Amino acid sequence: MSNAPDEVRAWAQARSEARTRRDWAEADRLRAAIEAAGWRVIDRGNRFSLEPARAPDVVEAGRTRYGSSAAVPSILDQPATAFVTVVLVTGEGRVDLVQALAGLRRHAPARTQVVLVADRPGPEQEAELLAADGPAAGLVGGLEPEIVWTSEPLGWAGALNAGLRRAAAPVIVLLDPAVELTGDLLSELVGVLDDPTVALAGPWGLVTDDLRRFEPATPGDVDAIDGSALAFRRAEISERGLLDEHFRLSTNLDIWWSLVLRDEGQDRPSRRAVAVGDEAASRPTGLPDAVSDGAAGRERLVRRSFYRVLDRFGARRDLLTGSRESLG
């Protein structure tokens, strides 16, 4: 069958028997136990097989390349040691690293921690990261960023989770490598999050009338924050969990995460998303997502991610800023 542990094999067999008697609740419980143990069950009619749920970690030249975000050692439960953490992901097809790091070098405040996730980058970016005198050297006040390497592409949410697990500051900023800081955006975002009614902030906001079409917004209270630069508190991770790794692309992940952070339940007022600081950063339009199986694969993943947003929040009009204003 596989080299799965005996316990996992027993769970898989019990799950198969539960499926035969149509006990779907028990089958789902056993699937969750199997996946939590790091395995995946593949059904083939009345038979099944087991496969590792994640790629293996690989050690090369003393450097560990992690096969999953969960394999990255977490420091989220440790006391904060930095002012703000910036998480950037670079992978195959993204070549904006030099500009992004140059902006951070010029404008990041003291005690900025930078976590760079090298999500199986292309040869050009890998060479930049490995070069002793490359852009990764002396990033902020002589502080080199921490680089988290992956053995296989984890997808956008998975790669961000790998970086989030290394966050050492009370506030985390997710930053697309295509964004260039032109001022002290990071301090401004940290300051906004001093307000407990604010769940997240960033320079570019989004608004919607129906939770299906989101449009760029002017500064102020908005429905969601564009993921090109999105700030939130580290404590939110322990309360709301890490990002949903079904979001293989960046598209729609920012909307989903914004609503997750703002949602306090339908019987309580939602927290705020605030667009602020657009004068301190610049970005190109139409940031691309790298997808190995081409345009058709990208469209399929975009649709799936949109449905994940709708499944959870499609009926939550109470989360709209317009709804809040109408309630006075």
Foldseek 3Di string as FASTA:
>chain_A
DDPDDPVLVVLVVVLLVCVVVPVVVSNVVSQVVNVVVQWHWADDDSDIDIDGNWDPWDADPNAIAHGFLVVQAFPLVPAADAAEEEEEEAAAPDDLQLQALVLQQVAEDPRYAYEYEYQHHDPVVVCQVPDPPHSQACRHVRDGHHYHHHPHHLADQGSVSSRLRHHRHFKYKYAYSQKHFQHNLVVVQSVVVVDVLAFKEEQWAWADDQLQDIDTDDWFWHLFGQNNIMMGTSVVCVVQNGFDSLLRWSALSRNQVSCSRQDPDPVDQTGTYGNDDNVGMDGDPDDDTDDPVPDVVVVVSNVVSSVVSCVVCRPPSSSHPVVVVVVD
